[in-house]
C-alpha atoms as a PDB file:
ATOM      1  CA  MET A   1     -24.203 -35.207  47.005  1.00  0.00           C
ATOM      2  CA  PRO A   2     -25.661 -37.712  49.529  1.00  0.00           C
ATOM      3  CA  LYS A   3     -29.412 -38.199  49.415  1.00  0.00           C
ATOM      4  CA  ASN A   4     -30.149 -36.952  52.940  1.00  0.00           C
ATOM      5  CA  LYS A   5     -28.192 -33.682  52.687  1.00  0.00           C
ATOM      6  CA  SER A   6     -29.776 -30.356  51.788  1.00  0.00           C
ATOM      7  CA  HIS A   7     -27.924 -27.680  49.832  1.00  0.00           C
ATOM      8  CA  ALA A   8     -29.084 -24.051  49.731  1.00  0.00           C
ATOM      9  CA  ILE A   9     -29.388 -22.851  46.124  1.00  0.00           C
ATOM     10  CA  ALA A  10     -30.556 -19.268  46.755  1.00  0.00           C
ATOM     11  CA  GLN A  11     -31.208 -17.146  49.835  1.00  0.00           C
ATOM     12  CA  ASN A  12     -33.255 -14.010  50.348  1.00  0.00           C
ATOM     13  CA  ARG A  13     -30.854 -11.935  52.451  1.00  0.00           C
ATOM     14  CA  LYS A  14     -33.103  -8.878  52.273  1.00  0.00           C
ATOM     15  CA  ALA A  15     -35.899 -10.715  54.133  1.00  0.00           C
ATOM     16  CA  SER A  16     -34.169 -10.621  57.524  1.00  0.00           C
ATOM     17  CA  HIS A  17     -33.457  -6.926  56.987  1.00  0.00           C
ATOM     18  CA  ASP A  18     -37.062  -6.024  56.126  1.00  0.00           C
ATOM     19  CA  TYR A  19     -39.021  -8.436  58.379  1.00  0.00           C
ATOM     20  CA  PHE A  20     -39.078  -9.960  61.845  1.00  0.00           C
ATOM     21  CA  ILE A  21     -39.355 -13.653  60.925  1.00  0.00           C
ATOM     22  CA  GLU A  22     -41.569 -15.325  63.521  1.00  0.00           C
ATOM     23  CA  GLU A  23     -42.199 -18.792  62.045  1.00  0.00           C
ATOM     24  CA  THR A  24     -40.795 -20.786  59.159  1.00  0.00           C
ATOM     25  CA  TYR A  25     -42.397 -23.477  57.013  1.00  0.00           C
ATOM     26  CA  GLU A  26     -40.825 -25.901  54.565  1.00  0.00           C
ATOM     27  CA  ALA A  27     -42.855 -26.249  51.382  1.00  0.00           C
ATOM     28  CA  GLY A  28     -42.488 -28.150  48.145  1.00  0.00           C
ATOM     29  CA  ILE A  29     -42.739 -26.305  44.830  1.00  0.00           C
ATOM     30  CA  VAL A  30     -44.819 -27.414  41.845  1.00  0.00           C
ATOM     31  CA  LEU A  31     -42.397 -27.095  38.913  1.00  0.00           C
ATOM     32  CA  GLN A  32     -42.791 -27.762  35.224  1.00  0.00           C
ATOM     33  CA  GLY A  33     -40.530 -28.478  32.289  1.00  0.00           C
ATOM     34  CA  THR A  34     -36.906 -27.540  32.755  1.00  0.00           C
ATOM     35  CA  GLU A  35     -37.305 -25.522  35.967  1.00  0.00           C
ATOM     36  CA  ILE A  36     -35.608 -28.113  38.195  1.00  0.00           C
ATOM     37  CA  LYS A  37     -32.547 -28.134  35.929  1.00  0.00           C
ATOM     38  CA  SER A  38     -32.235 -24.353  36.231  1.00  0.00           C
ATOM     39  CA  ILE A  39     -32.671 -24.563  40.009  1.00  0.00           C
ATOM     40  CA  ARG A  40     -29.944 -27.203  40.295  1.00  0.00           C
ATOM     41  CA  ALA A  41     -27.694 -24.928  38.206  1.00  0.00           C
ATOM     42  CA  GLY A  42     -28.338 -22.128  40.737  1.00  0.00           C
ATOM     43  CA  ARG A  43     -30.050 -19.783  38.285  1.00  0.00           C
ATOM     44  CA  VAL A  44     -32.685 -18.509  40.758  1.00  0.00           C
ATOM     45  CA  ASN A  45     -33.379 -14.947  41.914  1.00  0.00           C
ATOM     46  CA  MET A  46     -35.576 -14.412  44.979  1.00  0.00           C
ATOM     47  CA  LYS A  47     -35.196 -10.636  45.170  1.00  0.00           C
ATOM     48  CA  ASP A  48     -38.814  -9.448  44.849  1.00  0.00           C
ATOM     49  CA  SER A  49     -40.615 -12.727  45.470  1.00  0.00           C
ATOM     50  CA  PHE A  50     -43.442 -13.189  47.947  1.00  0.00           C
ATOM     51  CA  ALA A  51     -46.021 -15.829  48.864  1.00  0.00           C
ATOM     52  CA  ARG A  52     -49.759 -15.346  49.149  1.00  0.00           C
ATOM     53  CA  VAL A  53     -52.682 -17.531  50.234  1.00  0.00           C
ATOM     54  CA  GLU A  54     -55.357 -17.600  47.513  1.00  0.00           C
ATOM     55  CA  ARG A  55     -58.464 -19.807  47.437  1.00  0.00           C
ATOM     56  CA  GLY A  56     -57.118 -22.067  50.183  1.00  0.00           C
ATOM     57  CA  GLU A  57     -53.761 -22.658  48.446  1.00  0.00           C
ATOM     58  CA  VAL A  58     -50.378 -20.977  48.803  1.00  0.00           C
ATOM     59  CA  PHE A  59     -48.734 -19.474  45.702  1.00  0.00           C
ATOM     60  CA  LEU A  60     -45.243 -18.059  45.186  1.00  0.00           C
ATOM     61  CA  HIS A  61     -45.131 -14.891  43.062  1.00  0.00           C
ATOM     62  CA  ASN A  62     -42.219 -13.172  41.242  1.00  0.00           C
ATOM     63  CA  LEU A  63     -39.673 -15.958  41.823  1.00  0.00           C
ATOM     64  CA  HIS A  64     -37.348 -15.724  38.833  1.00  0.00           C
ATOM     65  CA  ILE A  65     -36.032 -19.074  37.577  1.00  0.00           C
ATOM     66  CA  SER A  66     -33.968 -18.460  34.431  1.00  0.00           C
ATOM     67  CA  PRO A  67     -34.776 -20.526  31.328  1.00  0.00           C
ATOM     68  CA  TYR A  68     -32.597 -23.605  30.904  1.00  0.00           C
ATOM     69  CA  GLU A  69     -29.938 -23.040  28.229  1.00  0.00           C
ATOM     70  CA  GLN A  70     -30.228 -26.504  26.663  1.00  0.00           C
ATOM     71  CA  GLY A  71     -34.016 -26.428  26.766  1.00  0.00           C
ATOM     72  CA  ASN A  72     -35.894 -25.824  23.553  1.00  0.00           C
ATOM     73  CA  ARG A  73     -39.599 -25.204  23.147  1.00  0.00           C
ATOM     74  CA  TYR A  74     -40.237 -26.924  26.503  1.00  0.00           C
ATOM     75  CA  ASN A  75     -38.659 -24.062  28.435  1.00  0.00           C
ATOM     76  CA  HIS A  76     -40.700 -22.298  31.092  1.00  0.00           C
ATOM     77  CA  GLU A  77     -41.768 -18.711  31.727  1.00  0.00           C
ATOM     78  CA  PRO A  78     -39.211 -17.239  34.193  1.00  0.00           C
ATOM     79  CA  THR A  79     -41.528 -15.406  36.634  1.00  0.00           C
ATOM     80  CA  ARG A  80     -44.691 -17.469  36.524  1.00  0.00           C
ATOM     81  CA  THR A  81     -46.743 -18.027  39.678  1.00  0.00           C
ATOM     82  CA  ARG A  82     -45.864 -21.350  41.310  1.00  0.00           C
ATOM     83  CA  LYS A  83     -47.978 -23.360  43.725  1.00  0.00           C
ATOM     84  CA  LEU A  84     -46.451 -24.333  47.080  1.00  0.00           C
ATOM     85  CA  LEU A  85     -47.224 -27.675  48.700  1.00  0.00           C
ATOM     86  CA  LEU A  86     -48.117 -27.460  52.396  1.00  0.00           C
ATOM     87  CA  HIS A  87     -50.299 -29.482  54.749  1.00  0.00           C
ATOM     88  CA  ARG A  88     -53.913 -28.327  55.102  1.00  0.00           C
ATOM     89  CA  ARG A  89     -53.386 -27.550  58.812  1.00  0.00           C
ATOM     90  CA  GLN A  90     -50.419 -25.315  57.978  1.00  0.00           C
ATOM     91  CA  ILE A  91     -52.377 -23.487  55.265  1.00  0.00           C
ATOM     92  CA  ASN A  92     -55.298 -22.863  57.630  1.00  0.00           C
ATOM     93  CA  LYS A  93     -52.892 -21.477  60.231  1.00  0.00           C
ATOM     94  CA  LEU A  94     -51.271 -19.210  57.617  1.00  0.00           C
ATOM     95  CA  ILE A  95     -54.661 -17.919  56.485  1.00  0.00           C
ATOM     96  CA  GLY A  96     -55.429 -16.741  60.026  1.00  0.00           C
ATOM     97  CA  GLU A  97     -52.007 -15.240  60.636  1.00  0.00           C
ATOM     98  CA  THR A  98     -51.611 -13.396  57.327  1.00  0.00           C
ATOM     99  CA  GLN A  99     -54.964 -11.667  57.765  1.00  0.00           C
ATOM    100  CA  GLN A 100     -53.525  -9.787  60.736  1.00  0.00           C
ATOM    101  CA  ALA A 101     -52.154  -6.369  59.878  1.00  0.00           C
ATOM    102  CA  GLY A 102     -48.473  -6.229  59.042  1.00  0.00           C
ATOM    103  CA  TYR A 103     -47.885  -9.964  58.473  1.00  0.00           C
ATOM    104  CA  SER A 104     -46.821 -11.458  55.170  1.00  0.00           C
ATOM    105  CA  LEU A 105     -45.268 -14.633  53.764  1.00  0.00           C
ATOM    106  CA  VAL A 106     -41.676 -14.217  52.620  1.00  0.00           C
ATOM    107  CA  PRO A 107     -39.569 -16.897  50.888  1.00  0.00           C
ATOM    108  CA  LEU A 108     -36.254 -17.208  52.745  1.00  0.00           C
ATOM    109  CA  LYS A 109     -34.305 -19.788  50.753  1.00  0.00           C
ATOM    110  CA  ILE A 110     -34.564 -22.477  48.090  1.00  0.00           C
ATOM    111  CA  TYR A 111     -32.726 -25.747  48.488  1.00  0.00           C
ATOM    112  CA  ILE A 112     -32.644 -29.335  47.263  1.00  0.00           C
ATOM    113  CA  LYS A 113     -33.581 -31.931  49.899  1.00  0.00           C
ATOM    114  CA  ASN A 114     -33.573 -35.647  49.058  1.00  0.00           C
ATOM    115  CA  GLY A 115     -33.557 -34.755  45.354  1.00  0.00           C
ATOM    116  CA  VAL A 116     -36.628 -32.503  45.621  1.00  0.00           C
ATOM    117  CA  ALA A 117     -36.694 -28.692  45.426  1.00  0.00           C
ATOM    118  CA  LYS A 118     -38.015 -27.065  48.600  1.00  0.00           C
ATOM    119  CA  VAL A 119     -38.598 -23.475  49.638  1.00  0.00           C
ATOM    120  CA  LEU A 120     -38.402 -22.177  53.207  1.00  0.00           C
ATOM    121  CA  ILE A 121     -41.088 -19.543  53.722  1.00  0.00           C
ATOM    122  CA  GLY A 122     -41.286 -17.361  56.788  1.00  0.00           C
ATOM    123  CA  LEU A 123     -44.157 -15.559  58.428  1.00  0.00           C
ATOM    124  CA  GLY A 124     -42.770 -12.061  58.781  1.00  0.00           C
ATOM    125  CA  LYS A 125     -43.905  -8.833  60.377  1.00  0.00           C
ATOM    126  CA  GLY A 126     -42.619  -5.744  58.613  1.00  0.00           C
ATOM    127  CA  LYS A 127     -39.898  -3.714  60.298  1.00  0.00           C
ATOM    128  CA  LYS A 128     -40.071   0.033  60.685  1.00  0.00           C
ATOM    129  CA  GLN A 129     -37.131   2.213  59.661  1.00  0.00           C
ATOM    130  CA  TYR A 130     -35.933   2.647  63.247  1.00  0.00           C
ATOM    131  CA  ASP A 131     -35.942  -1.153  63.731  1.00  0.00           C
ATOM    132  CA  LYS A 132     -33.694  -1.542  60.699  1.00  0.00           C
ATOM    133  CA  ARG A 133     -31.292   1.106  62.028  1.00  0.00           C
ATOM    134  CA  GLU A 134     -31.237  -0.604  65.428  1.00  0.00           C
ATOM    135  CA  ASP A 135     -30.331  -3.948  63.813  1.00  0.00           C
ATOM    136  CA  LEU A 136     -27.533  -2.360  61.795  1.00  0.00           C
ATOM    137  CA  LYS A 137     -26.083  -0.729  64.938  1.00  0.00           C
ATOM    138  CA  ARG A 138     -26.242  -4.029  66.825  1.00  0.00           C
ATOM    139  CA  LYS A 139     -24.588  -5.923  63.958  1.00  0.00           C
ATOM    140  CA  GLN A 140     -21.829  -3.327  63.636  1.00  0.00           C
ATOM    141  CA  ALA A 141     -21.133  -3.381  67.393  1.00  0.00           C
ATOM    142  CA  LYS A 142     -20.897  -7.185  67.348  1.00  0.00           C
ATOM    143  CA  ARG A 143     -18.504  -7.034  64.398  1.00  0.00           C
ATOM    144  CA  GLU A 144     -16.247  -4.557  66.250  1.00  0.00           C
ATOM    145  CA  VAL A 145     -16.214  -6.716  69.389  1.00  0.00           C
ATOM    146  CA  ASP A 146     -15.324  -9.805  67.355  1.00  0.00           C
ATOM    147  CA  ARG A 147     -12.574  -7.904  65.553  1.00  0.00           C
ATOM    148  CA  ALA A 148     -11.144  -6.635  68.884  1.00  0.00           C
ATOM    149  CA  LEU A 149     -11.186 -10.173  70.332  1.00  0.00           C
ATOM    150  CA  LYS A 150      -9.444 -11.536  67.251  1.00  0.00           C
ATOM    151  CA  ASP A 151      -6.748  -8.855  67.458  1.00  0.00           C
ATOM    152  CA  SER A 152      -6.184  -9.466  71.181  1.00  0.00           C
ATOM    153  CA  LEU A 153      -5.686 -13.197  70.588  1.00  0.00           C
ATOM    154  CA  ARG A 154      -2.820 -12.541  68.160  1.00  0.00           C
END
């Protein structure tokens, strides 16, 4: 793969269903041992992961990176808390925004960029049940329109 390309390893599809994503930030991840090898192999699960600002630093919780098969005693703990690397200005902005009611930091996807693992985190406001239903109706209507257009072009 060329050096300047980025390739998505894992995506959190549930995030856009549960949250209105207002802003996104690209952050580096502090990894240890064989974690990068497992990430490159695509053995990452973002299902219940979330980010939190603690003591002026941003941490990623519950991100499951499977142990590397060829690793031995240097393997890592799968769901350990990992530090995210952001600029101080971005962290200060996130501290102010996450203290508002209903806002949280949600990891959206993990990818490799220029040989380095990155995570895209989004500042999300939680959706209510009726918002989720509204989105599903809108998506289904768009799908039907696209299907009708495709059939009429045949």
